[in-house]
Amino acid sequence: MALNNFNSRNSNYRFNGIFLNLMLFSIVLLLFSCSVSYKFNGSSIDYSKTKSLSISDFPNTAELIYPPLSQEFTEALRDSYAKQTRLQLLKKGGDMHIEGEIIGYQLTPMSISADSYSSETKLTMTIKVRFTNDKNPADDFEKSYSSFQNFDSNRMLTEVQDELMKIMVAEMVDNIYNDTVAKW
């Protein structure tokens, strides 16, 4: 009788172990197979009406000129729309059109150290954008976008300029995309 109780108890433990493993496997499978994905770069474009976008070159009219800035910004803007939409990119005559200019690129001393010198400098870039939508004129706007990055004043602007420019351009391109087609 003691042997029967032992076998009965042992099979219950085995059954419980198998049941527990099966439950854990099911939960893991459920978690990995049922996932919700959100994309925050989507757009609200009606592709049946809007088929093309034209983006003009953005000339640099700022007092401080950084020569590659105009081309870098314009190409980053075009790349953003090419990757995130199905719109045909044109130089002129698109159903939607983006144009503007770089109107500000300036340095500002920020934090003052104990020796009365600036310990940090702020680089600010400002871009004026005009957006027109021939299919929905209510979406048209003219707006300025600014972005800034701080850097240690012990470093020369030429040392950090490329890196900071890429960060600021990416931020402004995202903001322009969101205001024009994502409607965030």
N, C-alpha and C. Protein backbone atom coordinates (compact mmCIF):
# COMPACT_ATOMS: atom_id res chain seq x y z
N MET A 1 0.82 -1.19 0.00
CA MET A 1 0.00 0.00 0.00
C MET A 1 0.87 1.26 0.00
N ALA A 2 1.96 1.23 0.75
CA ALA A 2 2.86 2.38 0.80
C ALA A 2 3.47 2.61 -0.57
N LEU A 3 3.75 1.50 -1.27
CA LEU A 3 4.32 1.62 -2.60
C LEU A 3 3.31 2.23 -3.57
N ASN A 4 2.04 1.85 -3.44
CA ASN A 4 1.00 2.43 -4.30
C ASN A 4 0.83 3.92 -4.04
N ASN A 5 0.86 4.34 -2.75
CA ASN A 5 0.77 5.78 -2.43
C ASN A 5 1.94 6.54 -3.01
N PHE A 6 3.15 5.93 -2.95
CA PHE A 6 4.34 6.58 -3.48
C PHE A 6 4.22 6.74 -5.00
N ASN A 7 3.80 5.70 -5.69
CA ASN A 7 3.64 5.78 -7.15
C ASN A 7 2.56 6.77 -7.53
N SER A 8 1.47 6.80 -6.76
CA SER A 8 0.39 7.73 -7.04
C SER A 8 0.86 9.18 -6.86
N ARG A 9 1.59 9.41 -5.74
CA ARG A 9 2.11 10.75 -5.49
C ARG A 9 3.13 11.16 -6.56
N ASN A 10 3.98 10.23 -6.95
CA ASN A 10 5.01 10.49 -7.94
C ASN A 10 4.37 10.83 -9.30
N SER A 11 3.31 10.12 -9.67
CA SER A 11 2.66 10.42 -10.94
C SER A 11 1.93 11.77 -10.88
N ASN A 12 1.40 12.15 -9.69
CA ASN A 12 0.78 13.48 -9.55
C ASN A 12 1.80 14.58 -9.73
N TYR A 13 3.01 14.36 -9.13
CA TYR A 13 4.07 15.37 -9.31
C TYR A 13 4.48 15.46 -10.76
N ARG A 14 4.59 14.33 -11.42
CA ARG A 14 4.97 14.30 -12.82
C ARG A 14 3.90 15.00 -13.66
N PHE A 15 2.63 14.71 -13.38
CA PHE A 15 1.52 15.35 -14.09
C PHE A 15 1.55 16.86 -13.85
N ASN A 16 1.74 17.27 -12.60
CA ASN A 16 1.80 18.71 -12.28
C ASN A 16 2.98 19.37 -12.97
N GLY A 17 4.12 18.70 -13.04
CA GLY A 17 5.30 19.26 -13.71
C GLY A 17 5.07 19.43 -15.19
N ILE A 18 4.46 18.40 -15.82
CA ILE A 18 4.16 18.49 -17.24
C ILE A 18 3.14 19.59 -17.49
N PHE A 19 2.12 19.65 -16.65
CA PHE A 19 1.09 20.68 -16.78
C PHE A 19 1.70 22.07 -16.61
N LEU A 20 2.57 22.25 -15.63
CA LEU A 20 3.21 23.54 -15.39
C LEU A 20 4.09 23.93 -16.57
N ASN A 21 4.87 22.99 -17.10
CA ASN A 21 5.72 23.28 -18.26
C ASN A 21 4.89 23.63 -19.48
N LEU A 22 3.80 22.91 -19.67
CA LEU A 22 2.91 23.19 -20.78
C LEU A 22 2.29 24.58 -20.65
N MET A 23 1.89 24.96 -19.47
CA MET A 23 1.32 26.30 -19.23
C MET A 23 2.36 27.39 -19.49
N LEU A 24 3.58 27.22 -19.00
CA LEU A 24 4.64 28.20 -19.22
C LEU A 24 4.94 28.34 -20.72
N PHE A 25 5.03 27.21 -21.41
CA PHE A 25 5.27 27.23 -22.84
C PHE A 25 4.16 27.97 -23.58
N SER A 26 2.92 27.73 -23.18
CA SER A 26 1.77 28.39 -23.81
C SER A 26 1.81 29.90 -23.58
N ILE A 27 2.15 30.30 -22.37
CA ILE A 27 2.22 31.74 -22.06
C ILE A 27 3.31 32.41 -22.88
N VAL A 28 4.49 31.79 -22.94
CA VAL A 28 5.59 32.35 -23.72
C VAL A 28 5.21 32.42 -25.19
N LEU A 29 4.63 31.38 -25.71
CA LEU A 29 4.19 31.37 -27.10
C LEU A 29 3.16 32.47 -27.37
N LEU A 30 2.23 32.64 -26.47
CA LEU A 30 1.20 33.66 -26.60
C LEU A 30 1.81 35.06 -26.60
N LEU A 31 2.76 35.29 -25.70
CA LEU A 31 3.38 36.61 -25.60
C LEU A 31 4.15 36.97 -26.86
N PHE A 32 4.86 36.00 -27.43
CA PHE A 32 5.68 36.31 -28.59
C PHE A 32 4.89 36.29 -29.90
N SER A 33 3.79 35.59 -29.94
CA SER A 33 3.03 35.54 -31.19
C SER A 33 2.01 36.65 -31.31
N CYS A 34 1.56 37.18 -30.21
CA CYS A 34 0.55 38.25 -30.24
C CYS A 34 1.20 39.54 -29.78
N SER A 35 1.74 40.26 -30.71
CA SER A 35 2.33 41.53 -30.33
C SER A 35 1.66 42.64 -31.12
N VAL A 36 1.58 43.78 -30.52
CA VAL A 36 1.01 44.95 -31.15
C VAL A 36 2.16 45.86 -31.51
N SER A 37 2.18 46.32 -32.73
CA SER A 37 3.26 47.17 -33.19
C SER A 37 2.69 48.53 -33.57
N TYR A 38 3.29 49.57 -33.04
CA TYR A 38 2.90 50.93 -33.39
C TYR A 38 4.02 51.58 -34.17
N LYS A 39 3.69 52.23 -35.26
CA LYS A 39 4.66 52.97 -36.05
C LYS A 39 4.33 54.44 -35.89
N PHE A 40 5.30 55.20 -35.43
CA PHE A 40 5.07 56.62 -35.23
C PHE A 40 5.57 57.46 -36.39
N ASN A 41 5.84 56.82 -37.51
CA ASN A 41 6.27 57.58 -38.67
C ASN A 41 5.26 57.44 -39.80
N GLY A 42 4.09 56.99 -39.48
CA GLY A 42 3.04 56.81 -40.48
C GLY A 42 2.58 58.14 -41.02
N SER A 43 1.81 58.05 -42.07
CA SER A 43 1.33 59.29 -42.65
C SER A 43 -0.17 59.22 -42.84
N SER A 44 -0.77 60.39 -43.02
CA SER A 44 -2.22 60.46 -43.24
C SER A 44 -2.49 60.93 -44.66
N ILE A 45 -1.79 60.34 -45.61
CA ILE A 45 -1.91 60.73 -47.01
C ILE A 45 -2.98 59.87 -47.69
N ASP A 46 -3.85 60.51 -48.43
CA ASP A 46 -4.81 59.78 -49.26
C ASP A 46 -4.14 59.57 -50.62
N TYR A 47 -3.56 58.38 -50.79
CA TYR A 47 -2.80 58.10 -52.01
C TYR A 47 -3.68 58.02 -53.27
N SER A 48 -4.98 57.92 -53.10
CA SER A 48 -5.84 57.93 -54.28
C SER A 48 -5.92 59.34 -54.88
N LYS A 49 -5.69 60.37 -54.07
CA LYS A 49 -5.73 61.75 -54.54
C LYS A 49 -4.33 62.34 -54.71
N THR A 50 -3.47 62.08 -53.74
CA THR A 50 -2.14 62.68 -53.71
C THR A 50 -1.11 61.65 -54.16
N LYS A 51 -0.43 61.96 -55.25
CA LYS A 51 0.50 61.00 -55.82
C LYS A 51 1.95 61.47 -55.80
N SER A 52 2.19 62.78 -55.66
CA SER A 52 3.56 63.28 -55.79
C SER A 52 3.84 64.41 -54.80
N LEU A 53 5.12 64.60 -54.57
CA LEU A 53 5.61 65.65 -53.68
C LEU A 53 6.84 66.26 -54.32
N SER A 54 6.89 67.57 -54.34
CA SER A 54 8.10 68.24 -54.82
C SER A 54 8.74 68.97 -53.65
N ILE A 55 10.05 68.83 -53.57
CA ILE A 55 10.83 69.50 -52.52
C ILE A 55 11.91 70.32 -53.20
N SER A 56 11.83 71.63 -53.05
CA SER A 56 12.82 72.53 -53.64
C SER A 56 14.08 72.53 -52.78
N ASP A 57 15.19 72.94 -53.39
CA ASP A 57 16.43 73.10 -52.63
C ASP A 57 16.24 74.21 -51.60
N PHE A 58 16.83 74.05 -50.43
CA PHE A 58 16.75 75.04 -49.36
C PHE A 58 18.04 75.85 -49.35
N PRO A 59 18.02 77.06 -49.91
CA PRO A 59 19.24 77.87 -49.90
C PRO A 59 19.57 78.36 -48.49
N ASN A 60 20.85 78.56 -48.25
CA ASN A 60 21.30 79.03 -46.94
C ASN A 60 21.48 80.54 -47.00
N THR A 61 20.57 81.28 -46.33
CA THR A 61 20.65 82.73 -46.30
C THR A 61 21.05 83.25 -44.92
N ALA A 62 21.53 82.36 -44.05
CA ALA A 62 21.93 82.75 -42.70
C ALA A 62 23.21 83.58 -42.75
N GLU A 63 23.45 84.36 -41.69
CA GLU A 63 24.66 85.17 -41.63
C GLU A 63 25.91 84.30 -41.56
N LEU A 64 25.87 83.26 -40.73
CA LEU A 64 26.98 82.32 -40.64
C LEU A 64 26.67 81.17 -41.60
N ILE A 65 27.54 80.98 -42.57
CA ILE A 65 27.29 79.98 -43.61
C ILE A 65 28.15 78.74 -43.35
N TYR A 66 27.50 77.60 -43.33
CA TYR A 66 28.19 76.31 -43.29
C TYR A 66 27.88 75.66 -44.63
N PRO A 67 28.83 75.62 -45.56
CA PRO A 67 28.56 75.23 -46.96
C PRO A 67 27.77 73.93 -47.16
N PRO A 68 28.04 72.82 -46.46
CA PRO A 68 27.28 71.60 -46.77
C PRO A 68 25.86 71.58 -46.20
N LEU A 69 25.50 72.56 -45.39
CA LEU A 69 24.22 72.52 -44.69
C LEU A 69 23.02 72.49 -45.63
N SER A 70 23.01 73.32 -46.65
CA SER A 70 21.88 73.39 -47.57
C SER A 70 21.62 72.03 -48.24
N GLN A 71 22.66 71.45 -48.78
CA GLN A 71 22.51 70.16 -49.46
C GLN A 71 22.16 69.05 -48.47
N GLU A 72 22.80 69.03 -47.31
CA GLU A 72 22.52 67.99 -46.30
C GLU A 72 21.06 68.04 -45.85
N PHE A 73 20.57 69.25 -45.59
CA PHE A 73 19.19 69.37 -45.14
C PHE A 73 18.21 68.95 -46.23
N THR A 74 18.40 69.45 -47.44
CA THR A 74 17.48 69.13 -48.54
C THR A 74 17.46 67.63 -48.81
N GLU A 75 18.62 66.99 -48.83
CA GLU A 75 18.67 65.55 -49.09
C GLU A 75 18.06 64.74 -47.94
N ALA A 76 18.28 65.17 -46.71
CA ALA A 76 17.68 64.47 -45.56
C ALA A 76 16.16 64.57 -45.62
N LEU A 77 15.64 65.72 -46.02
CA LEU A 77 14.19 65.91 -46.14
C LEU A 77 13.63 65.00 -47.24
N ARG A 78 14.29 64.98 -48.38
CA ARG A 78 13.84 64.11 -49.49
C ARG A 78 13.90 62.63 -49.09
N ASP A 79 14.98 62.24 -48.44
CA ASP A 79 15.13 60.84 -48.01
C ASP A 79 14.02 60.43 -47.05
N SER A 80 13.66 61.33 -46.15
CA SER A 80 12.62 61.04 -45.17
C SER A 80 11.29 60.70 -45.86
N TYR A 81 10.90 61.50 -46.83
CA TYR A 81 9.64 61.27 -47.55
C TYR A 81 9.74 60.04 -48.45
N ALA A 82 10.91 59.82 -49.05
CA ALA A 82 11.08 58.66 -49.92
C ALA A 82 10.97 57.36 -49.12
N LYS A 83 11.49 57.34 -47.92
CA LYS A 83 11.48 56.13 -47.09
C LYS A 83 10.14 55.89 -46.40
N GLN A 84 9.42 56.96 -46.08
CA GLN A 84 8.23 56.82 -45.24
C GLN A 84 6.91 56.99 -45.98
N THR A 85 6.96 57.33 -47.27
CA THR A 85 5.72 57.48 -48.03
C THR A 85 5.86 56.78 -49.38
N ARG A 86 4.76 56.67 -50.07
CA ARG A 86 4.76 56.12 -51.44
C ARG A 86 4.65 57.24 -52.48
N LEU A 87 4.87 58.46 -52.07
CA LEU A 87 4.77 59.59 -52.99
C LEU A 87 5.95 59.60 -53.96
N GLN A 88 5.66 60.02 -55.19
CA GLN A 88 6.71 60.20 -56.18
C GLN A 88 7.36 61.55 -55.90
N LEU A 89 8.68 61.56 -55.74
CA LEU A 89 9.39 62.81 -55.47
C LEU A 89 9.77 63.50 -56.77
N LEU A 90 9.39 64.76 -56.87
CA LEU A 90 9.67 65.55 -58.06
C LEU A 90 10.44 66.81 -57.66
N LYS A 91 11.14 67.41 -58.62
CA LYS A 91 11.81 68.69 -58.37
C LYS A 91 10.79 69.83 -58.36
N LYS A 92 9.75 69.75 -59.22
CA LYS A 92 8.73 70.79 -59.33
C LYS A 92 7.39 70.15 -59.64
N GLY A 93 6.31 70.85 -59.30
CA GLY A 93 4.98 70.49 -59.74
C GLY A 93 4.32 69.31 -59.05
N GLY A 94 4.69 69.00 -57.83
CA GLY A 94 4.04 67.90 -57.13
C GLY A 94 2.67 68.29 -56.59
N ASP A 95 1.86 67.30 -56.24
CA ASP A 95 0.56 67.56 -55.62
C ASP A 95 0.75 68.31 -54.29
N MET A 96 1.84 68.01 -53.61
CA MET A 96 2.24 68.76 -52.42
C MET A 96 3.63 69.32 -52.71
N HIS A 97 3.91 70.46 -52.10
CA HIS A 97 5.20 71.11 -52.36
C HIS A 97 5.78 71.67 -51.06
N ILE A 98 7.08 71.44 -50.88
CA ILE A 98 7.80 71.99 -49.72
C ILE A 98 8.94 72.83 -50.24
N GLU A 99 9.02 74.04 -49.73
CA GLU A 99 10.11 74.94 -50.10
C GLU A 99 10.47 75.79 -48.88
N GLY A 100 11.60 76.45 -48.95
CA GLY A 100 11.99 77.32 -47.86
C GLY A 100 13.46 77.66 -47.94
N GLU A 101 13.98 78.16 -46.82
CA GLU A 101 15.38 78.54 -46.76
C GLU A 101 15.90 78.41 -45.33
N ILE A 102 17.21 78.26 -45.24
CA ILE A 102 17.87 78.23 -43.95
C ILE A 102 18.12 79.69 -43.58
N ILE A 103 17.47 80.16 -42.54
CA ILE A 103 17.55 81.59 -42.21
C ILE A 103 18.41 81.87 -40.98
N GLY A 104 18.80 80.85 -40.25
CA GLY A 104 19.61 81.08 -39.07
C GLY A 104 20.57 79.94 -38.80
N TYR A 105 21.81 80.30 -38.50
CA TYR A 105 22.84 79.35 -38.10
C TYR A 105 23.78 80.18 -37.24
N GLN A 106 23.61 80.07 -35.92
CA GLN A 106 24.34 81.00 -35.05
C GLN A 106 24.87 80.33 -33.79
N LEU A 107 25.89 80.94 -33.25
CA LEU A 107 26.53 80.49 -32.00
C LEU A 107 26.18 81.47 -30.89
N THR A 108 25.87 80.92 -29.71
CA THR A 108 25.55 81.74 -28.55
C THR A 108 26.31 81.20 -27.35
N PRO A 109 27.10 82.06 -26.66
CA PRO A 109 27.75 81.58 -25.43
C PRO A 109 26.69 81.31 -24.36
N MET A 110 26.87 80.22 -23.63
CA MET A 110 25.86 79.85 -22.64
C MET A 110 26.42 79.95 -21.22
N SER A 111 26.77 78.86 -20.62
CA SER A 111 27.21 78.81 -19.23
C SER A 111 28.52 79.57 -19.05
N ILE A 112 28.57 80.35 -17.99
CA ILE A 112 29.78 81.10 -17.66
C ILE A 112 30.50 80.37 -16.54
N SER A 113 31.79 80.13 -16.74
CA SER A 113 32.58 79.41 -15.74
C SER A 113 33.13 80.39 -14.70
N ALA A 114 33.86 79.88 -13.72
CA ALA A 114 34.40 80.69 -12.63
C ALA A 114 35.38 81.75 -13.13
N ASP A 115 36.04 81.49 -14.24
CA ASP A 115 37.00 82.47 -14.78
C ASP A 115 36.35 83.46 -15.74
N SER A 116 35.03 83.56 -15.71
CA SER A 116 34.23 84.51 -16.50
C SER A 116 34.25 84.24 -18.00
N TYR A 117 34.64 83.07 -18.40
CA TYR A 117 34.58 82.68 -19.80
C TYR A 117 33.43 81.71 -20.00
N SER A 118 32.95 81.65 -21.20
CA SER A 118 31.87 80.73 -21.52
C SER A 118 32.40 79.30 -21.48
N SER A 119 31.68 78.44 -20.77
CA SER A 119 32.10 77.04 -20.71
C SER A 119 31.30 76.17 -21.68
N GLU A 120 30.23 76.75 -22.21
CA GLU A 120 29.38 76.00 -23.13
C GLU A 120 28.86 76.95 -24.20
N THR A 121 28.76 76.44 -25.42
CA THR A 121 28.26 77.23 -26.53
C THR A 121 27.06 76.52 -27.15
N LYS A 122 26.07 77.30 -27.56
CA LYS A 122 24.88 76.75 -28.19
C LYS A 122 24.91 77.07 -29.68
N LEU A 123 24.75 76.02 -30.50
CA LEU A 123 24.63 76.19 -31.93
C LEU A 123 23.15 76.03 -32.28
N THR A 124 22.58 77.05 -32.91
CA THR A 124 21.16 77.05 -33.26
C THR A 124 21.00 77.15 -34.77
N MET A 125 20.10 76.34 -35.30
CA MET A 125 19.79 76.38 -36.72
C MET A 125 18.29 76.65 -36.87
N THR A 126 17.93 77.56 -37.76
CA THR A 126 16.53 77.91 -38.00
C THR A 126 16.23 77.79 -39.50
N ILE A 127 15.12 77.16 -39.79
CA ILE A 127 14.71 76.95 -41.18
C ILE A 127 13.27 77.41 -41.35
N LYS A 128 13.03 78.18 -42.38
CA LYS A 128 11.67 78.64 -42.72
C LYS A 128 11.13 77.71 -43.80
N VAL A 129 9.92 77.19 -43.59
CA VAL A 129 9.31 76.22 -44.50
C VAL A 129 7.95 76.71 -44.96
N ARG A 130 7.69 76.55 -46.25
CA ARG A 130 6.38 76.81 -46.82
C ARG A 130 5.88 75.49 -47.41
N PHE A 131 4.70 75.08 -46.96
CA PHE A 131 4.10 73.84 -47.43
C PHE A 131 2.80 74.14 -48.12
N THR A 132 2.64 73.63 -49.35
CA THR A 132 1.38 73.78 -50.06
C THR A 132 0.88 72.40 -50.48
N ASN A 133 -0.43 72.22 -50.35
CA ASN A 133 -1.06 70.97 -50.72
C ASN A 133 -2.16 71.31 -51.72
N ASP A 134 -1.92 71.02 -52.98
CA ASP A 134 -2.89 71.34 -54.04
C ASP A 134 -4.19 70.56 -53.89
N LYS A 135 -4.14 69.40 -53.28
CA LYS A 135 -5.33 68.56 -53.12
C LYS A 135 -6.15 68.95 -51.90
N ASN A 136 -5.51 69.61 -50.93
CA ASN A 136 -6.21 70.04 -49.72
C ASN A 136 -5.58 71.35 -49.23
N PRO A 137 -5.96 72.49 -49.80
CA PRO A 137 -5.36 73.78 -49.46
C PRO A 137 -5.47 74.17 -47.99
N ALA A 138 -6.38 73.55 -47.25
CA ALA A 138 -6.50 73.86 -45.82
C ALA A 138 -5.26 73.43 -45.05
N ASP A 139 -4.46 72.54 -45.62
CA ASP A 139 -3.23 72.07 -44.97
C ASP A 139 -2.04 73.00 -45.19
N ASP A 140 -2.15 73.98 -46.06
CA ASP A 140 -1.04 74.89 -46.38
C ASP A 140 -0.59 75.64 -45.13
N PHE A 141 0.73 75.85 -45.02
CA PHE A 141 1.26 76.65 -43.92
C PHE A 141 2.63 77.19 -44.25
N GLU A 142 3.03 78.20 -43.48
CA GLU A 142 4.38 78.73 -43.50
C GLU A 142 4.83 78.78 -42.05
N LYS A 143 5.97 78.20 -41.76
CA LYS A 143 6.39 78.05 -40.37
C LYS A 143 7.92 77.99 -40.29
N SER A 144 8.46 78.47 -39.17
CA SER A 144 9.89 78.36 -38.92
C SER A 144 10.15 77.24 -37.92
N TYR A 145 11.21 76.48 -38.17
CA TYR A 145 11.63 75.39 -37.29
C TYR A 145 13.03 75.70 -36.79
N SER A 146 13.24 75.48 -35.50
CA SER A 146 14.56 75.70 -34.91
C SER A 146 15.00 74.47 -34.14
N SER A 147 16.29 74.30 -34.10
CA SER A 147 16.88 73.23 -33.31
C SER A 147 18.22 73.75 -32.81
N PHE A 148 18.62 73.27 -31.63
CA PHE A 148 19.91 73.70 -31.11
C PHE A 148 20.60 72.53 -30.42
N GLN A 149 21.91 72.66 -30.33
CA GLN A 149 22.75 71.70 -29.62
C GLN A 149 23.83 72.48 -28.88
N ASN A 150 24.12 72.06 -27.66
CA ASN A 150 25.18 72.68 -26.88
C ASN A 150 26.45 71.86 -27.01
N PHE A 151 27.59 72.54 -26.94
CA PHE A 151 28.87 71.85 -26.93
C PHE A 151 29.85 72.61 -26.05
N ASP A 152 30.87 71.90 -25.61
CA ASP A 152 31.89 72.46 -24.72
C ASP A 152 32.66 73.56 -25.45
N SER A 153 32.80 74.71 -24.82
CA SER A 153 33.48 75.84 -25.45
C SER A 153 34.97 75.62 -25.65
N ASN A 154 35.52 74.61 -25.01
CA ASN A 154 36.93 74.28 -25.22
C ASN A 154 37.14 73.63 -26.59
N ARG A 155 36.09 73.21 -27.22
CA ARG A 155 36.18 72.60 -28.54
C ARG A 155 35.85 73.63 -29.60
N MET A 156 36.50 73.50 -30.73
CA MET A 156 36.25 74.39 -31.86
C MET A 156 34.96 73.96 -32.57
N LEU A 157 34.25 74.90 -33.14
CA LEU A 157 33.04 74.59 -33.88
C LEU A 157 33.33 73.59 -35.00
N THR A 158 34.47 73.75 -35.66
CA THR A 158 34.82 72.86 -36.76
C THR A 158 34.97 71.40 -36.31
N GLU A 159 35.26 71.17 -35.03
CA GLU A 159 35.40 69.81 -34.49
C GLU A 159 34.05 69.12 -34.33
N VAL A 160 33.02 69.88 -33.97
CA VAL A 160 31.72 69.30 -33.60
C VAL A 160 30.61 69.60 -34.60
N GLN A 161 30.89 70.47 -35.55
CA GLN A 161 29.85 70.97 -36.45
C GLN A 161 29.13 69.88 -37.23
N ASP A 162 29.86 68.94 -37.82
CA ASP A 162 29.22 67.88 -38.62
C ASP A 162 28.28 67.04 -37.77
N GLU A 163 28.72 66.64 -36.61
CA GLU A 163 27.92 65.80 -35.71
C GLU A 163 26.67 66.54 -35.24
N LEU A 164 26.84 67.79 -34.81
CA LEU A 164 25.70 68.58 -34.31
C LEU A 164 24.71 68.88 -35.44
N MET A 165 25.23 69.16 -36.63
CA MET A 165 24.36 69.45 -37.76
C MET A 165 23.47 68.25 -38.07
N LYS A 166 24.04 67.05 -38.07
CA LYS A 166 23.25 65.85 -38.37
C LYS A 166 22.12 65.67 -37.36
N ILE A 167 22.39 65.93 -36.09
CA ILE A 167 21.37 65.79 -35.04
C ILE A 167 20.25 66.82 -35.25
N MET A 168 20.64 68.08 -35.50
CA MET A 168 19.65 69.14 -35.68
C MET A 168 18.83 68.94 -36.95
N VAL A 169 19.48 68.53 -38.02
CA VAL A 169 18.77 68.29 -39.29
C VAL A 169 17.76 67.17 -39.09
N ALA A 170 18.15 66.08 -38.45
CA ALA A 170 17.24 64.95 -38.24
C ALA A 170 16.03 65.37 -37.42
N GLU A 171 16.25 66.19 -36.40
CA GLU A 171 15.14 66.66 -35.56
C GLU A 171 14.17 67.52 -36.36
N MET A 172 14.69 68.44 -37.16
CA MET A 172 13.81 69.32 -37.92
C MET A 172 13.10 68.58 -39.05
N VAL A 173 13.78 67.64 -39.69
CA VAL A 173 13.14 66.84 -40.74
C VAL A 173 11.96 66.06 -40.14
N ASP A 174 12.15 65.48 -38.97
CA ASP A 174 11.05 64.76 -38.30
C ASP A 174 9.88 65.70 -38.01
N ASN A 175 10.18 66.88 -37.52
CA ASN A 175 9.11 67.85 -37.21
C ASN A 175 8.36 68.29 -38.47
N ILE A 176 9.09 68.52 -39.54
CA ILE A 176 8.45 68.93 -40.79
C ILE A 176 7.59 67.79 -41.33
N TYR A 177 8.11 66.58 -41.30
CA TYR A 177 7.35 65.41 -41.76
C TYR A 177 6.06 65.28 -40.95
N ASN A 178 6.19 65.39 -39.64
CA ASN A 178 5.00 65.27 -38.77
C ASN A 178 3.98 66.36 -39.06
N ASP A 179 4.41 67.57 -39.31
CA ASP A 179 3.48 68.68 -39.57
C ASP A 179 2.84 68.60 -40.96
N THR A 180 3.52 68.00 -41.92
CA THR A 180 3.00 67.99 -43.28
C THR A 180 2.14 66.78 -43.60
N VAL A 181 2.61 65.59 -43.29
CA VAL A 181 1.84 64.40 -43.68
C VAL A 181 1.44 63.48 -42.54
N ALA A 182 2.14 63.51 -41.41
CA ALA A 182 1.78 62.61 -40.31
C ALA A 182 0.68 63.20 -39.45
N LYS A 183 0.56 64.50 -39.43
CA LYS A 183 -0.48 65.21 -38.66
C LYS A 183 -0.44 64.87 -37.18
N TRP A 184 0.74 64.89 -36.61
CA TRP A 184 0.88 64.62 -35.16
C TRP A 184 0.53 65.84 -34.38
